[in-house]
C-alpha cells in the first residue's frame, strides 16, 4: 500500500537564508504549544544543525524526548528530517518517515514547501496517521509562515 505524501507550500516575506534559520533555530517559538510528546510540557523544540543530528523537545524539567533525526542539512535550500513518532505518538527509533522542507527564493521572499512522505511505513495505522497529519501539517506550516513573516 502506498499513501500519497502530504504537501503544503507557503510564502514567507524574507530571504531563504533567514527563513531556513527561523525554521531550524526557533522551532520552539513557532511550534504549536501542547503539540509535543514528552511527559512534561515542552519549552523548546530543537534541531541539531548537521546530518545525523537529533530532532527533539526539551521539557521544563530538562527532560529530552526525541522526535527524529536530521537526514540532510543543506542550508538555506533544504532540510530533510526523519519523523520517528509512531501512531501512539511516541518516539520509535525503528520507524522512519521523511519530512522534507525546501526553501526557494521567489519574488518578495521564500517559497517553503513541506512534504511528509513514506506514510505507509506506519503499517496498520498508516491511513489513520495520514489523515491526522493531513489535518495537522497545514496549520503548523501556516503558523510558521506567519511567525517568520513578522520576525
C-alpha atoms as a PDB file:
ATOM      1  CA  UNK A   1       0.000   0.000   0.000  1.00  0.00           C
ATOM      2  CA  UNK A   2       1.299   3.433  -0.938  1.00  0.00           C
ATOM      3  CA  UNK A   3      -0.080   6.595   0.627  1.00  0.00           C
ATOM      4  CA  UNK A   4       0.321   9.913  -1.166  1.00  0.00           C
ATOM      5  CA  UNK A   5       2.704  12.314   0.562  1.00  0.00           C
ATOM      6  CA  UNK A   6       1.355  15.329   2.393  1.00  0.00           C
ATOM      7  CA  UNK A   7       2.423  18.538   0.628  1.00  0.00           C
ATOM      8  CA  UNK A   8       1.922  22.139   1.653  1.00  0.00           C
ATOM      9  CA  UNK A   9       3.567  25.323   0.378  1.00  0.00           C
ATOM     10  CA  UNK A  10       3.626  28.754   1.984  1.00  0.00           C
ATOM     11  CA  UNK A  11       5.213  32.058   1.082  1.00  0.00           C
ATOM     12  CA  UNK A  12       7.303  33.949   3.616  1.00  0.00           C
ATOM     13  CA  UNK A  13       8.361  37.562   3.111  1.00  0.00           C
ATOM     14  CA  UNK A  14      12.036  37.007   3.983  1.00  0.00           C
ATOM     15  CA  UNK A  15      15.114  35.662   2.214  1.00  0.00           C
ATOM     16  CA  UNK A  16      15.672  31.872   2.114  1.00  0.00           C
ATOM     17  CA  UNK A  17      18.635  32.001   4.493  1.00  0.00           C
ATOM     18  CA  UNK A  18      16.629  33.846   7.108  1.00  0.00           C
ATOM     19  CA  UNK A  19      13.611  31.562   6.682  1.00  0.00           C
ATOM     20  CA  UNK A  20      15.776  28.438   6.991  1.00  0.00           C
ATOM     21  CA  UNK A  21      17.373  29.892  10.128  1.00  0.00           C
ATOM     22  CA  UNK A  22      13.997  30.713  11.710  1.00  0.00           C
ATOM     23  CA  UNK A  23      12.646  27.264  10.910  1.00  0.00           C
ATOM     24  CA  UNK A  24      15.622  25.410  12.344  1.00  0.00           C
ATOM     25  CA  UNK A  25      16.715  27.570  15.288  1.00  0.00           C
ATOM     26  CA  UNK A  26      13.418  28.919  16.599  1.00  0.00           C
ATOM     27  CA  UNK A  27      11.100  25.938  16.274  1.00  0.00           C
ATOM     28  CA  UNK A  28      10.140  26.220  19.938  1.00  0.00           C
ATOM     29  CA  UNK A  29       8.865  29.763  19.321  1.00  0.00           C
ATOM     30  CA  UNK A  30       6.516  28.912  16.466  1.00  0.00           C
ATOM     31  CA  UNK A  31       5.636  25.239  17.041  1.00  0.00           C
ATOM     32  CA  UNK A  32       2.070  24.985  18.434  1.00  0.00           C
ATOM     33  CA  UNK A  33       2.047  24.768  22.214  1.00  0.00           C
ATOM     34  CA  UNK A  34       0.781  21.444  23.505  1.00  0.00           C
ATOM     35  CA  UNK A  35       1.652  19.564  20.284  1.00  0.00           C
ATOM     36  CA  UNK A  36       4.560  17.670  21.771  1.00  0.00           C
ATOM     37  CA  UNK A  37       5.000  14.108  23.010  1.00  0.00           C
ATOM     38  CA  UNK A  38       7.076  14.306  26.189  1.00  0.00           C
ATOM     39  CA  UNK A  39       5.729  13.554  29.654  1.00  0.00           C
ATOM     40  CA  UNK A  40       6.228  17.193  30.752  1.00  0.00           C
ATOM     41  CA  UNK A  41       5.328  20.351  28.807  1.00  0.00           C
ATOM     42  CA  UNK A  42       7.956  21.217  26.212  1.00  0.00           C
ATOM     43  CA  UNK A  43       9.713  24.562  26.401  1.00  0.00           C
ATOM     44  CA  UNK A  44      11.987  24.045  23.395  1.00  0.00           C
ATOM     45  CA  UNK A  45      11.959  22.114  20.132  1.00  0.00           C
ATOM     46  CA  UNK A  46      15.481  21.673  18.819  1.00  0.00           C
ATOM     47  CA  UNK A  47      17.200  20.507  15.656  1.00  0.00           C
ATOM     48  CA  UNK A  48      20.923  19.809  15.827  1.00  0.00           C
ATOM     49  CA  UNK A  49      22.393  21.563  12.749  1.00  0.00           C
ATOM     50  CA  UNK A  50      24.029  18.668  10.925  1.00  0.00           C
ATOM     51  CA  UNK A  51      23.234  15.429   9.167  1.00  0.00           C
ATOM     52  CA  UNK A  52      22.894  12.828  11.903  1.00  0.00           C
ATOM     53  CA  UNK A  53      21.795  15.438  14.442  1.00  0.00           C
ATOM     54  CA  UNK A  54      18.827  14.920  16.719  1.00  0.00           C
ATOM     55  CA  UNK A  55      15.370  16.499  16.421  1.00  0.00           C
ATOM     56  CA  UNK A  56      13.865  16.610  19.899  1.00  0.00           C
ATOM     57  CA  UNK A  57      11.927  18.521  22.516  1.00  0.00           C
ATOM     58  CA  UNK A  58      13.177  19.687  25.894  1.00  0.00           C
ATOM     59  CA  UNK A  59      10.721  19.991  28.782  1.00  0.00           C
ATOM     60  CA  UNK A  60      10.564  22.397  31.703  1.00  0.00           C
ATOM     61  CA  UNK A  61      12.345  19.788  33.841  1.00  0.00           C
ATOM     62  CA  UNK A  62      15.093  19.499  31.156  1.00  0.00           C
ATOM     63  CA  UNK A  63      13.929  16.010  30.120  1.00  0.00           C
ATOM     64  CA  UNK A  64      14.515  15.410  26.412  1.00  0.00           C
ATOM     65  CA  UNK A  65      12.203  13.436  24.130  1.00  0.00           C
ATOM     66  CA  UNK A  66      13.377  12.523  20.638  1.00  0.00           C
ATOM     67  CA  UNK A  67      11.184  13.140  17.596  1.00  0.00           C
ATOM     68  CA  UNK A  68      13.625  12.008  14.933  1.00  0.00           C
ATOM     69  CA  UNK A  69      16.905  12.924  13.319  1.00  0.00           C
ATOM     70  CA  UNK A  70      18.422  15.090  10.612  1.00  0.00           C
ATOM     71  CA  UNK A  71      18.962  13.148   7.391  1.00  0.00           C
ATOM     72  CA  UNK A  72      20.218  16.080   5.296  1.00  0.00           C
ATOM     73  CA  UNK A  73      21.249  19.589   6.330  1.00  0.00           C
ATOM     74  CA  UNK A  74      21.673  21.855   3.291  1.00  0.00           C
ATOM     75  CA  UNK A  75      21.140  25.500   4.332  1.00  0.00           C
ATOM     76  CA  UNK A  76      19.473  27.561   3.051  1.00  0.00           C
ATOM     77  CA  UNK A  77      17.978  25.249   0.442  1.00  0.00           C
ATOM     78  CA  UNK A  78      16.797  22.031   2.089  1.00  0.00           C
ATOM     79  CA  UNK A  79      16.228  20.219   5.348  1.00  0.00           C
ATOM     80  CA  UNK A  80      15.366  16.523   5.470  1.00  0.00           C
ATOM     81  CA  UNK A  81      14.202  15.078   8.773  1.00  0.00           C
ATOM     82  CA  UNK A  82      13.332  11.557   9.848  1.00  0.00           C
ATOM     83  CA  UNK A  83       9.981  11.627  11.668  1.00  0.00           C
ATOM     84  CA  UNK A  84      10.208   8.790  14.166  1.00  0.00           C
ATOM     85  CA  UNK A  85       6.957   9.304  16.044  1.00  0.00           C
ATOM     86  CA  UNK A  86       4.603   6.357  15.822  1.00  0.00           C
ATOM     87  CA  UNK A  87       0.807   6.105  15.791  1.00  0.00           C
ATOM     88  CA  UNK A  88       0.673   6.169  19.603  1.00  0.00           C
ATOM     89  CA  UNK A  89       2.587   9.485  19.497  1.00  0.00           C
ATOM     90  CA  UNK A  90       5.751   8.022  20.995  1.00  0.00           C
ATOM     91  CA  UNK A  91       9.315   8.038  19.687  1.00  0.00           C
ATOM     92  CA  UNK A  92      10.121   4.826  17.825  1.00  0.00           C
ATOM     93  CA  UNK A  93      13.737   4.532  16.621  1.00  0.00           C
ATOM     94  CA  UNK A  94      12.747   1.730  14.223  1.00  0.00           C
ATOM     95  CA  UNK A  95      10.211   3.930  12.380  1.00  0.00           C
ATOM     96  CA  UNK A  96      11.341   6.453   9.814  1.00  0.00           C
ATOM     97  CA  UNK A  97       9.058   8.563   7.653  1.00  0.00           C
ATOM     98  CA  UNK A  98      10.555  11.614   5.955  1.00  0.00           C
ATOM     99  CA  UNK A  99       9.744  15.267   6.396  1.00  0.00           C
ATOM    100  CA  UNK A 100      11.379  17.411   3.717  1.00  0.00           C
ATOM    101  CA  UNK A 101      11.408  21.198   3.767  1.00  0.00           C
ATOM    102  CA  UNK A 102      12.678  23.201   0.819  1.00  0.00           C
ATOM    103  CA  UNK A 103      13.284  26.946   0.814  1.00  0.00           C
ATOM    104  CA  UNK A 104      13.252  28.546  -2.650  1.00  0.00           C
ATOM    105  CA  UNK A 105      13.708  32.209  -3.473  1.00  0.00           C
ATOM    106  CA  UNK A 106      10.690  33.859  -5.052  1.00  0.00           C
ATOM    107  CA  UNK A 107       9.716  37.450  -5.686  1.00  0.00           C
ATOM    108  CA  UNK A 108       9.320  39.109  -2.315  1.00  0.00           C
ATOM    109  CA  UNK A 109      10.671  36.251  -0.235  1.00  0.00           C
ATOM    110  CA  UNK A 110      10.771  32.486   0.027  1.00  0.00           C
ATOM    111  CA  UNK A 111       8.521  29.652  -1.027  1.00  0.00           C
ATOM    112  CA  UNK A 112       8.617  26.978   1.674  1.00  0.00           C
ATOM    113  CA  UNK A 113       7.471  23.512   0.652  1.00  0.00           C
ATOM    114  CA  UNK A 114       6.778  20.807   3.223  1.00  0.00           C
ATOM    115  CA  UNK A 115       6.451  17.192   2.176  1.00  0.00           C
ATOM    116  CA  UNK A 116       5.829  14.335   4.618  1.00  0.00           C
ATOM    117  CA  UNK A 117       6.307  11.044   2.789  1.00  0.00           C
ATOM    118  CA  UNK A 118       6.601   7.280   3.248  1.00  0.00           C
ATOM    119  CA  UNK A 119       3.461   7.312   5.375  1.00  0.00           C
ATOM    120  CA  UNK A 120       2.817   3.667   4.537  1.00  0.00           C
ATOM    121  CA  UNK A 121       5.641   2.881   6.974  1.00  0.00           C
ATOM    122  CA  UNK A 122       3.126   3.418   9.790  1.00  0.00           C
ATOM    123  CA  UNK A 123       1.862  -0.065   8.860  1.00  0.00           C
ATOM    124  CA  UNK A 124      -1.668  -0.875  10.009  1.00  0.00           C
ATOM    125  CA  UNK A 125      -2.007   2.687  11.330  1.00  0.00           C
ATOM    126  CA  UNK A 126      -0.935   4.330   8.062  1.00  0.00           C
ATOM    127  CA  UNK A 127      -4.367   5.529   6.882  1.00  0.00           C
ATOM    128  CA  UNK A 128      -5.259   6.893  10.329  1.00  0.00           C
ATOM    129  CA  UNK A 129      -1.898   8.666  10.698  1.00  0.00           C
ATOM    130  CA  UNK A 130      -2.073  10.101   7.181  1.00  0.00           C
ATOM    131  CA  UNK A 131      -5.481  11.569   7.940  1.00  0.00           C
ATOM    132  CA  UNK A 132      -4.283  13.113  11.207  1.00  0.00           C
ATOM    133  CA  UNK A 133      -1.108  14.504   9.668  1.00  0.00           C
ATOM    134  CA  UNK A 134      -3.045  15.908   6.678  1.00  0.00           C
ATOM    135  CA  UNK A 135      -5.150  17.782   9.198  1.00  0.00           C
ATOM    136  CA  UNK A 136      -2.143  18.969  11.215  1.00  0.00           C
ATOM    137  CA  UNK A 137       0.657  19.974   8.867  1.00  0.00           C
ATOM    138  CA  UNK A 138      -1.193  22.766   7.022  1.00  0.00           C
ATOM    139  CA  UNK A 139      -1.901  24.644  10.255  1.00  0.00           C
ATOM    140  CA  UNK A 140       1.605  24.098  11.586  1.00  0.00           C
ATOM    141  CA  UNK A 141       3.343  25.368   8.449  1.00  0.00           C
ATOM    142  CA  UNK A 142       0.894  28.275   8.137  1.00  0.00           C
ATOM    143  CA  UNK A 143       1.761  29.175  11.737  1.00  0.00           C
ATOM    144  CA  UNK A 144       5.443  29.077  10.873  1.00  0.00           C
ATOM    145  CA  UNK A 145       4.889  31.334   7.846  1.00  0.00           C
ATOM    146  CA  UNK A 146       3.011  33.868   9.979  1.00  0.00           C
ATOM    147  CA  UNK A 147       5.795  33.802  12.599  1.00  0.00           C
ATOM    148  CA  UNK A 148       8.595  34.088  10.030  1.00  0.00           C
ATOM    149  CA  UNK A 149       6.900  36.898   8.101  1.00  0.00           C
ATOM    150  CA  UNK A 150       6.746  39.124  11.176  1.00  0.00           C
ATOM    151  CA  UNK A 151      10.097  38.213  12.757  1.00  0.00           C
END
